[in-house]
Every structure is written in C-alpha cells, then in structure tokens.
Amino acid sequence: YALRYKTWPLSPPPPPPPDPTEPFHTAEAVARWGVDYVVLTSVDRDDLPDGGASHFARTVEFIKLRKPSLLVECLVSDFRGDTAAVEELAGSGLDVYAHNVETVRRLQGVVRDPRAGFDQSLAVLAHAKACNPRLFTKSSLMLGLGEDEDEVIEAMRELRGAGVDVLTLGQYLRPTERHLSVVEYVPQERFDWYRERGEEMGFRYVASGPLVRSSYRAGEFFLSRMVRDGRDGGGAGADA
C-alpha cells in the first residue's frame, strides 16, 4: 500500500462551476421527501476559491427556510484549512459538521491527498466548534489499512481533544484494483473494543463496525435525537 493508486489515472477535465440554482432546488426536493435528517456532501471542489463552502452554506440556509425542523449534516472537505470557509458553513444554520480524518496520523500521506493532513483536519473540526459551540462535529476512521491499536486510540484521543462529538469507525474496502489493498479485515470484537474506548473518552456517540460508514443510518437516528435534545439543553457542549 505504498500509493493510494497502483497507477495514477489521467487528470479529469475541470468540473463546471456550481449551478447557482442548486441550493434552492435541493431545498425544495428535500422538503418534499418527508425526511427529518439529511446529509449533504459532494466531490472535493478545490478548483473553487472557497472549496464550495458558500454553495454548501446557501443550500443549508434554503433548507432551513423551507423546513426549519429538518436537521442538516454536511460532510465536507477540509477546505484546504481555510478558516473563513469553515466559518461560513458553521454559521449557516447547520446542525452537524462532518469532516473525516480517514486514517491514523502515520498513514495520512499514504491514504489521503498530499494536500490534506491530520493536523489540518483537526484544526478544521476544532474551528467549526469554536465558531458555533451549538454545532455537533463528527469524523470517521477507516480501519484495515495497516494501522495498529495504539495508533487508532491516539487518533481517537486527538479527535476528542478537538471537541469532536461523534465518531464512526468502519472497515476499509478496496473500491477498485487501482486503490490501496486491504491490509487486514478487522474483527467485530475489536470494533466493539474501540467503541467502548471511545465512549470512555467522552464521545457523545460512537458507531463502530465493519459495515459502518460515515453516513450511517442508525447513527443518523441517534444524532437526530441528540441534536434535538442538545437544542433544548443548550447545544452540543451542554454535557460535553
């Protein structure tokens, strides 16, 4: 697993600029679905000056105007560490700010884009919380990439130290032959052990299992209740 790809694919052409009507149309569509929790995400838009933060923020604002009771989570990039971009999204009315560190500190350069990094991701998550203490923050780790238990526990401690409320841990699965190989299939017992350690560290919620993903249906159900309780009790930091 020396490279994220065995062979580097050709660079695709730059994507078109965001559709300025998309936030409005997204809000209208989501409101008609009858759901009470929605996750917004996108491909990375490093071609945009703010990484797409303003587009996310406008979408959240339109959703909240259309249906104030609907809870919104945004799973976003690190916006290259741009604090202004983080602030814009954190102040948009968002309920859950999600950004994934993906793997332990040692494997960051192997697994993630070279422009990303563990410290930059921690700083983004901490800044989102500092901008809006009522915001719930969330991150995720993929296991089975060659990390050891001590590295996972240290990553969890650092995430909790950055104020992260919710953590998901899942098994890395190789999407294509050009992606990193799976080093280990982590047993359920170890996932359970990580969940117990995370709860001891003070995470508000930990979802941990081979099939768990960042946007995890059972986790969204729990988050819905937690966010609503947090609103009544003073926000994400009420009992942190």
C-alpha atoms as a PDB file:
ATOM      1  CA  TYR A   1       0.000   0.000   0.000  1.00  0.00           C
ATOM      2  CA  ALA A   2       2.793   2.427  -0.895  1.00  0.00           C
ATOM      3  CA  LEU A   3       0.469   4.556  -3.043  1.00  0.00           C
ATOM      4  CA  ARG A   4      -3.208   5.386  -2.993  1.00  0.00           C
ATOM      5  CA  TYR A   5      -3.343   4.101  -6.579  1.00  0.00           C
ATOM      6  CA  LYS A   6      -1.202   1.451  -8.228  1.00  0.00           C
ATOM      7  CA  THR A   7      -1.275   3.582 -11.368  1.00  0.00           C
ATOM      8  CA  TRP A   8      -2.276   7.222 -11.475  1.00  0.00           C
ATOM      9  CA  PRO A   9      -5.374   7.911 -13.599  1.00  0.00           C
ATOM     10  CA  LEU A  10      -5.309  10.763 -16.082  1.00  0.00           C
ATOM     11  CA  SER A  11      -6.441  14.065 -14.609  1.00  0.00           C
ATOM     12  CA  PRO A  12     -10.091  14.672 -15.499  1.00  0.00           C
ATOM     13  CA  PRO A  13     -11.159  17.960 -17.035  1.00  0.00           C
ATOM     14  CA  PRO A  14     -12.157  20.633 -14.504  1.00  0.00           C
ATOM     15  CA  PRO A  15     -15.811  20.400 -13.475  1.00  0.00           C
ATOM     16  CA  PRO A  16     -18.241  23.153 -14.426  1.00  0.00           C
ATOM     17  CA  PRO A  17     -18.959  25.923 -11.911  1.00  0.00           C
ATOM     18  CA  PRO A  18     -21.691  25.196  -9.354  1.00  0.00           C
ATOM     19  CA  ASP A  19     -25.245  25.759 -10.512  1.00  0.00           C
ATOM     20  CA  PRO A  20     -26.430  28.870  -8.610  1.00  0.00           C
ATOM     21  CA  THR A  21     -29.981  27.489  -8.531  1.00  0.00           C
ATOM     22  CA  GLU A  22     -28.936  24.170  -6.984  1.00  0.00           C
ATOM     23  CA  PRO A  23     -29.293  25.287  -3.328  1.00  0.00           C
ATOM     24  CA  PHE A  24     -32.901  26.353  -3.928  1.00  0.00           C
ATOM     25  CA  HIS A  25     -33.823  23.226  -5.899  1.00  0.00           C
ATOM     26  CA  THR A  26     -32.111  20.976  -3.352  1.00  0.00           C
ATOM     27  CA  ALA A  27     -34.098  22.559  -0.523  1.00  0.00           C
ATOM     28  CA  GLU A  28     -37.356  22.134  -2.429  1.00  0.00           C
ATOM     29  CA  ALA A  29     -36.605  18.486  -3.177  1.00  0.00           C
ATOM     30  CA  VAL A  30     -35.518  17.605   0.361  1.00  0.00           C
ATOM     31  CA  ALA A  31     -38.570  19.292   1.863  1.00  0.00           C
ATOM     32  CA  ARG A  32     -40.832  17.143  -0.328  1.00  0.00           C
ATOM     33  CA  TRP A  33     -39.140  13.901   0.704  1.00  0.00           C
ATOM     34  CA  GLY A  34     -40.674  13.993   4.167  1.00  0.00           C
ATOM     35  CA  VAL A  35     -37.398  13.143   5.937  1.00  0.00           C
ATOM     36  CA  ASP A  36     -36.261  14.725   9.195  1.00  0.00           C
ATOM     37  CA  TYR A  37     -32.488  14.356   8.693  1.00  0.00           C
ATOM     38  CA  VAL A  38     -30.424  14.884   5.553  1.00  0.00           C
ATOM     39  CA  VAL A  39     -26.711  14.569   4.755  1.00  0.00           C
ATOM     40  CA  LEU A  40     -25.232  16.864   2.112  1.00  0.00           C
ATOM     41  CA  THR A  41     -21.880  16.062   0.530  1.00  0.00           C
ATOM     42  CA  SER A  42     -20.023  16.490  -2.746  1.00  0.00           C
ATOM     43  CA  VAL A  43     -16.821  15.714  -4.549  1.00  0.00           C
ATOM     44  CA  ASP A  44     -13.931  17.942  -3.480  1.00  0.00           C
ATOM     45  CA  ARG A  45     -14.080  21.305  -5.237  1.00  0.00           C
ATOM     46  CA  ASP A  46     -10.552  22.539  -4.732  1.00  0.00           C
ATOM     47  CA  ASP A  47     -10.957  24.327  -8.060  1.00  0.00           C
ATOM     48  CA  LEU A  48     -13.185  26.879  -6.281  1.00  0.00           C
ATOM     49  CA  PRO A  49     -11.645  29.652  -4.150  1.00  0.00           C
ATOM     50  CA  ASP A  50     -13.605  28.600  -1.037  1.00  0.00           C
ATOM     51  CA  GLY A  51     -13.750  24.889  -1.839  1.00  0.00           C
ATOM     52  CA  GLY A  52     -17.512  25.106  -2.283  1.00  0.00           C
ATOM     53  CA  ALA A  53     -18.220  26.292   1.274  1.00  0.00           C
ATOM     54  CA  SER A  54     -20.504  29.126   0.202  1.00  0.00           C
ATOM     55  CA  HIS A  55     -22.519  26.760  -2.000  1.00  0.00           C
ATOM     56  CA  PHE A  56     -22.993  24.383   0.941  1.00  0.00           C
ATOM     57  CA  ALA A  57     -23.922  27.298   3.207  1.00  0.00           C
ATOM     58  CA  ARG A  58     -26.550  28.635   0.781  1.00  0.00           C
ATOM     59  CA  THR A  59     -28.043  25.151   0.476  1.00  0.00           C
ATOM     60  CA  VAL A  60     -28.310  24.794   4.260  1.00  0.00           C
ATOM     61  CA  GLU A  61     -29.877  28.248   4.534  1.00  0.00           C
ATOM     62  CA  PHE A  62     -32.508  27.449   1.887  1.00  0.00           C
ATOM     63  CA  ILE A  63     -33.315  24.110   3.546  1.00  0.00           C
ATOM     64  CA  LYS A  64     -33.783  25.798   6.906  1.00  0.00           C
ATOM     65  CA  LEU A  65     -36.007  28.462   5.335  1.00  0.00           C
ATOM     66  CA  ARG A  66     -38.085  25.803   3.614  1.00  0.00           C
ATOM     67  CA  LYS A  67     -38.309  23.437   6.582  1.00  0.00           C
ATOM     68  CA  PRO A  68     -36.764  24.741   9.828  1.00  0.00           C
ATOM     69  CA  SER A  69     -37.287  21.477  11.703  1.00  0.00           C
ATOM     70  CA  LEU A  70     -35.205  19.436   9.254  1.00  0.00           C
ATOM     71  CA  LEU A  71     -31.759  18.564  10.636  1.00  0.00           C
ATOM     72  CA  VAL A  72     -28.851  19.025   8.238  1.00  0.00           C
ATOM     73  CA  GLU A  73     -25.429  17.395   8.280  1.00  0.00           C
ATOM     74  CA  CYS A  74     -22.720  18.436   5.822  1.00  0.00           C
ATOM     75  CA  LEU A  75     -19.868  16.018   5.103  1.00  0.00           C
ATOM     76  CA  VAL A  76     -17.204  18.265   3.627  1.00  0.00           C
ATOM     77  CA  SER A  77     -13.534  18.518   2.737  1.00  0.00           C
ATOM     78  CA  ASP A  78     -11.026  20.420   4.854  1.00  0.00           C
ATOM     79  CA  PHE A  79     -11.394  23.450   2.539  1.00  0.00           C
ATOM     80  CA  ARG A  80      -7.562  23.439   2.488  1.00  0.00           C
ATOM     81  CA  GLY A  81      -7.646  24.754   6.051  1.00  0.00           C
ATOM     82  CA  ASP A  82      -9.434  27.977   5.019  1.00  0.00           C
ATOM     83  CA  THR A  83     -10.895  29.229   8.302  1.00  0.00           C
ATOM     84  CA  ALA A  84     -13.192  31.723   6.565  1.00  0.00           C
ATOM     85  CA  ALA A  85     -14.762  28.885   4.571  1.00  0.00           C
ATOM     86  CA  VAL A  86     -15.220  26.834   7.749  1.00  0.00           C
ATOM     87  CA  GLU A  87     -16.823  29.819   9.485  1.00  0.00           C
ATOM     88  CA  GLU A  88     -19.273  30.419   6.641  1.00  0.00           C
ATOM     89  CA  LEU A  89     -20.553  26.860   6.752  1.00  0.00           C
ATOM     90  CA  ALA A  90     -20.546  26.623  10.556  1.00  0.00           C
ATOM     91  CA  GLY A  91     -22.687  29.754  10.759  1.00  0.00           C
ATOM     92  CA  SER A  92     -25.209  28.738   8.092  1.00  0.00           C
ATOM     93  CA  GLY A  93     -27.700  27.065  10.427  1.00  0.00           C
ATOM     94  CA  LEU A  94     -26.012  23.680  10.021  1.00  0.00           C
ATOM     95  CA  ASP A  95     -26.661  21.081  12.725  1.00  0.00           C
ATOM     96  CA  VAL A  96     -23.799  18.587  12.184  1.00  0.00           C
ATOM     97  CA  TYR A  97     -20.405  19.487  10.707  1.00  0.00           C
ATOM     98  CA  ALA A  98     -18.736  16.306   9.435  1.00  0.00           C
ATOM     99  CA  HIS A  99     -15.190  16.023   8.144  1.00  0.00           C
ATOM    100  CA  ASN A 100     -13.310  12.734   8.021  1.00  0.00           C
ATOM    101  CA  VAL A 101      -9.682  12.273   9.025  1.00  0.00           C
ATOM    102  CA  GLU A 102      -9.964   8.866   7.275  1.00  0.00           C
ATOM    103  CA  THR A 103      -6.959   7.148   8.880  1.00  0.00           C
ATOM    104  CA  VAL A 104      -4.370   7.375  11.650  1.00  0.00           C
ATOM    105  CA  ARG A 105      -1.666  10.024  11.660  1.00  0.00           C
ATOM    106  CA  ARG A 106       1.142   7.779  10.314  1.00  0.00           C
ATOM    107  CA  LEU A 107      -0.845   6.727   7.235  1.00  0.00           C
ATOM    108  CA  GLN A 108      -2.154  10.146   6.220  1.00  0.00           C
ATOM    109  CA  GLY A 109       0.375  10.594   3.414  1.00  0.00           C
ATOM    110  CA  VAL A 110      -0.331   7.131   2.074  1.00  0.00           C
ATOM    111  CA  VAL A 111      -4.121   7.210   2.178  1.00  0.00           C
ATOM    112  CA  ARG A 112      -5.094  10.851   1.650  1.00  0.00           C
ATOM    113  CA  ASP A 113      -4.381  13.559  -0.875  1.00  0.00           C
ATOM    114  CA  PRO A 114      -0.958  15.118  -0.154  1.00  0.00           C
ATOM    115  CA  ARG A 115      -2.667  18.482   0.426  1.00  0.00           C
ATOM    116  CA  ALA A 116      -4.597  17.041   3.360  1.00  0.00           C
ATOM    117  CA  GLY A 117      -3.222  16.211   6.772  1.00  0.00           C
ATOM    118  CA  PHE A 118      -4.227  15.080  10.240  1.00  0.00           C
ATOM    119  CA  ASP A 119      -3.401  18.389  11.928  1.00  0.00           C
ATOM    120  CA  GLN A 120      -5.225  20.411   9.276  1.00  0.00           C
ATOM    121  CA  SER A 121      -8.320  18.238   9.697  1.00  0.00           C
ATOM    122  CA  LEU A 122      -8.189  18.567  13.483  1.00  0.00           C
ATOM    123  CA  ALA A 123      -7.877  22.331  13.143  1.00  0.00           C
ATOM    124  CA  VAL A 124     -10.914  22.486  10.837  1.00  0.00           C
ATOM    125  CA  LEU A 125     -13.065  20.457  13.229  1.00  0.00           C
ATOM    126  CA  ALA A 126     -11.932  22.493  16.231  1.00  0.00           C
ATOM    127  CA  HIS A 127     -12.541  25.780  14.414  1.00  0.00           C
ATOM    128  CA  ALA A 128     -16.055  24.752  13.383  1.00  0.00           C
ATOM    129  CA  LYS A 129     -16.859  24.053  17.027  1.00  0.00           C
ATOM    130  CA  ALA A 130     -15.243  27.310  18.193  1.00  0.00           C
ATOM    131  CA  CYS A 131     -17.298  29.288  15.660  1.00  0.00           C
ATOM    132  CA  ASN A 132     -20.546  27.691  16.776  1.00  0.00           C
ATOM    133  CA  PRO A 133     -20.496  25.822  20.101  1.00  0.00           C
ATOM    134  CA  ARG A 134     -24.040  24.573  19.449  1.00  0.00           C
ATOM    135  CA  LEU A 135     -22.777  22.697  16.391  1.00  0.00           C
ATOM    136  CA  PHE A 136     -22.168  18.960  16.607  1.00  0.00           C
ATOM    137  CA  THR A 137     -18.942  17.819  14.970  1.00  0.00           C
ATOM    138  CA  LYS A 138     -18.315  14.387  13.516  1.00  0.00           C
ATOM    139  CA  SER A 139     -15.428  12.445  11.999  1.00  0.00           C
ATOM    140  CA  SER A 140     -14.594   8.975  10.755  1.00  0.00           C
ATOM    141  CA  LEU A 141     -11.741   6.480  10.618  1.00  0.00           C
ATOM    142  CA  MET A 142     -11.327   3.627   8.147  1.00  0.00           C
ATOM    143  CA  LEU A 143      -9.626   0.563   9.620  1.00  0.00           C
ATOM    144  CA  GLY A 144      -7.733  -2.244   7.936  1.00  0.00           C
ATOM    145  CA  LEU A 145      -5.119  -0.086   6.198  1.00  0.00           C
ATOM    146  CA  GLY A 146      -2.162  -1.210   8.316  1.00  0.00           C
ATOM    147  CA  GLU A 147      -2.739   0.828  11.476  1.00  0.00           C
ATOM    148  CA  ASP A 148      -2.186  -0.653  14.935  1.00  0.00           C
ATOM    149  CA  GLU A 149      -4.405  -0.378  18.008  1.00  0.00           C
ATOM    150  CA  ASP A 150      -2.271   2.259  19.723  1.00  0.00           C
ATOM    151  CA  GLU A 151      -2.431   4.476  16.635  1.00  0.00           C
ATOM    152  CA  VAL A 152      -6.215   4.192  16.473  1.00  0.00           C
ATOM    153  CA  ILE A 153      -6.579   5.048  20.166  1.00  0.00           C
ATOM    154  CA  GLU A 154      -4.261   8.043  19.774  1.00  0.00           C
ATOM    155  CA  ALA A 155      -6.250   9.274  16.757  1.00  0.00           C
ATOM    156  CA  MET A 156      -9.440   8.946  18.774  1.00  0.00           C
ATOM    157  CA  ARG A 157      -7.916  10.896  21.664  1.00  0.00           C
ATOM    158  CA  GLU A 158      -6.808  13.690  19.341  1.00  0.00           C
ATOM    159  CA  LEU A 159     -10.244  13.890  17.746  1.00  0.00           C
ATOM    160  CA  ARG A 160     -11.890  14.089  21.141  1.00  0.00           C
ATOM    161  CA  GLY A 161      -9.351  16.724  22.147  1.00  0.00           C
ATOM    162  CA  ALA A 162     -10.504  18.791  19.147  1.00  0.00           C
ATOM    163  CA  GLY A 163     -14.039  18.683  20.531  1.00  0.00           C
ATOM    164  CA  VAL A 164     -15.416  16.084  18.125  1.00  0.00           C
ATOM    165  CA  ASP A 165     -18.771  14.771  19.378  1.00  0.00           C
ATOM    166  CA  VAL A 166     -19.456  11.824  17.083  1.00  0.00           C
ATOM    167  CA  LEU A 167     -17.058   9.207  15.725  1.00  0.00           C
ATOM    168  CA  THR A 168     -17.625   6.407  13.237  1.00  0.00           C
ATOM    169  CA  LEU A 169     -15.199   3.558  12.607  1.00  0.00           C
ATOM    170  CA  GLY A 170     -15.604   1.171   9.672  1.00  0.00           C
ATOM    171  CA  GLN A 171     -13.725  -1.390   7.617  1.00  0.00           C
ATOM    172  CA  TYR A 172     -11.817  -0.113   4.590  1.00  0.00           C
ATOM    173  CA  LEU A 173     -12.935  -1.915   1.432  1.00  0.00           C
ATOM    174  CA  ARG A 174     -10.991  -1.584  -1.794  1.00  0.00           C
ATOM    175  CA  PRO A 175     -13.143   0.206  -4.409  1.00  0.00           C
ATOM    176  CA  THR A 176     -11.054  -0.809  -7.447  1.00  0.00           C
ATOM    177  CA  GLU A 177      -7.802  -2.592  -8.242  1.00  0.00           C
ATOM    178  CA  ARG A 178      -6.116   0.799  -8.599  1.00  0.00           C
ATOM    179  CA  HIS A 179      -6.843   1.670  -4.968  1.00  0.00           C
ATOM    180  CA  LEU A 180      -4.954   0.612  -1.861  1.00  0.00           C
ATOM    181  CA  SER A 181      -5.165  -3.023  -0.890  1.00  0.00           C
ATOM    182  CA  VAL A 182      -6.862  -4.112   2.310  1.00  0.00           C
ATOM    183  CA  VAL A 183      -4.168  -4.979   4.830  1.00  0.00           C
ATOM    184  CA  GLU A 184      -6.475  -6.527   7.432  1.00  0.00           C
ATOM    185  CA  TYR A 185     -10.134  -7.357   7.919  1.00  0.00           C
ATOM    186  CA  VAL A 186     -10.741  -6.112  11.446  1.00  0.00           C
ATOM    187  CA  PRO A 187     -12.882  -8.454  13.603  1.00  0.00           C
ATOM    188  CA  GLN A 188     -16.123  -7.235  15.157  1.00  0.00           C
ATOM    189  CA  GLU A 189     -14.675  -7.779  18.627  1.00  0.00           C
ATOM    190  CA  ARG A 190     -12.016  -5.126  18.022  1.00  0.00           C
ATOM    191  CA  PHE A 191     -14.591  -2.703  16.647  1.00  0.00           C
ATOM    192  CA  ASP A 192     -16.580  -3.236  19.846  1.00  0.00           C
ATOM    193  CA  TRP A 193     -13.450  -2.572  21.905  1.00  0.00           C
ATOM    194  CA  TYR A 194     -12.817   0.698  20.055  1.00  0.00           C
ATOM    195  CA  ARG A 195     -16.424   1.732  20.637  1.00  0.00           C
ATOM    196  CA  GLU A 196     -16.059   1.133  24.374  1.00  0.00           C
ATOM    197  CA  ARG A 197     -12.813   3.121  24.498  1.00  0.00           C
ATOM    198  CA  GLY A 198     -14.448   5.962  22.571  1.00  0.00           C
ATOM    199  CA  GLU A 199     -17.361   6.108  24.962  1.00  0.00           C
ATOM    200  CA  GLU A 200     -14.908   6.231  27.873  1.00  0.00           C
ATOM    201  CA  MET A 201     -13.149   9.184  26.199  1.00  0.00           C
ATOM    202  CA  GLY A 202     -16.395  11.143  26.186  1.00  0.00           C
ATOM    203  CA  PHE A 203     -17.614  10.981  22.597  1.00  0.00           C
ATOM    204  CA  ARG A 204     -21.336  11.644  22.553  1.00  0.00           C
ATOM    205  CA  TYR A 205     -21.836   8.755  20.150  1.00  0.00           C
ATOM    206  CA  VAL A 206     -19.570   6.096  18.587  1.00  0.00           C
ATOM    207  CA  ALA A 207     -20.660   3.816  15.737  1.00  0.00           C
ATOM    208  CA  SER A 208     -18.090   1.082  15.194  1.00  0.00           C
ATOM    209  CA  GLY A 209     -18.343  -1.986  12.978  1.00  0.00           C
ATOM    210  CA  PRO A 210     -17.190  -3.463   9.667  1.00  0.00           C
ATOM    211  CA  LEU A 211     -20.173  -2.094   7.723  1.00  0.00           C
ATOM    212  CA  VAL A 212     -20.348   1.296   9.444  1.00  0.00           C
ATOM    213  CA  ARG A 213     -19.819   4.281   7.173  1.00  0.00           C
ATOM    214  CA  SER A 214     -19.605   7.994   7.900  1.00  0.00           C
ATOM    215  CA  SER A 215     -23.263   8.476   6.962  1.00  0.00           C
ATOM    216  CA  TYR A 216     -24.723   5.617   8.969  1.00  0.00           C
ATOM    217  CA  ARG A 217     -28.497   5.256   9.179  1.00  0.00           C
ATOM    218  CA  ALA A 218     -28.601   4.127  12.812  1.00  0.00           C
ATOM    219  CA  GLY A 219     -26.203   6.931  13.668  1.00  0.00           C
ATOM    220  CA  GLU A 220     -28.420   9.478  11.944  1.00  0.00           C
ATOM    221  CA  PHE A 221     -31.370   8.310  14.047  1.00  0.00           C
ATOM    222  CA  PHE A 222     -29.326   8.746  17.212  1.00  0.00           C
ATOM    223  CA  LEU A 223     -27.941  12.087  16.026  1.00  0.00           C
ATOM    224  CA  SER A 224     -31.446  13.387  15.334  1.00  0.00           C
ATOM    225  CA  ARG A 225     -32.421  12.744  18.920  1.00  0.00           C
ATOM    226  CA  MET A 226     -29.122  14.058  20.255  1.00  0.00           C
ATOM    227  CA  VAL A 227     -29.290  17.301  18.256  1.00  0.00           C
ATOM    228  CA  ARG A 228     -32.869  17.961  19.311  1.00  0.00           C
ATOM    229  CA  ASP A 229     -32.019  17.233  22.949  1.00  0.00           C
ATOM    230  CA  GLY A 230     -28.946  19.457  22.611  1.00  0.00           C
ATOM    231  CA  ARG A 231     -31.090  22.338  21.378  1.00  0.00           C
ATOM    232  CA  ASP A 232     -33.278  22.033  24.439  1.00  0.00           C
ATOM    233  CA  GLY A 233     -30.307  21.598  26.761  1.00  0.00           C
ATOM    234  CA  GLY A 234     -28.011  24.301  25.442  1.00  0.00           C
ATOM    235  CA  GLY A 235     -26.324  22.793  22.428  1.00  0.00           C
ATOM    236  CA  ALA A 236     -23.557  20.338  21.652  1.00  0.00           C
ATOM    237  CA  GLY A 237     -21.409  21.422  24.564  1.00  0.00           C
ATOM    238  CA  ALA A 238     -24.154  21.159  27.150  1.00  0.00           C
ATOM    239  CA  ASP A 239     -22.914  17.930  28.679  1.00  0.00           C
ATOM    240  CA  ALA A 240     -19.570  17.539  26.924  1.00  0.00           C
END
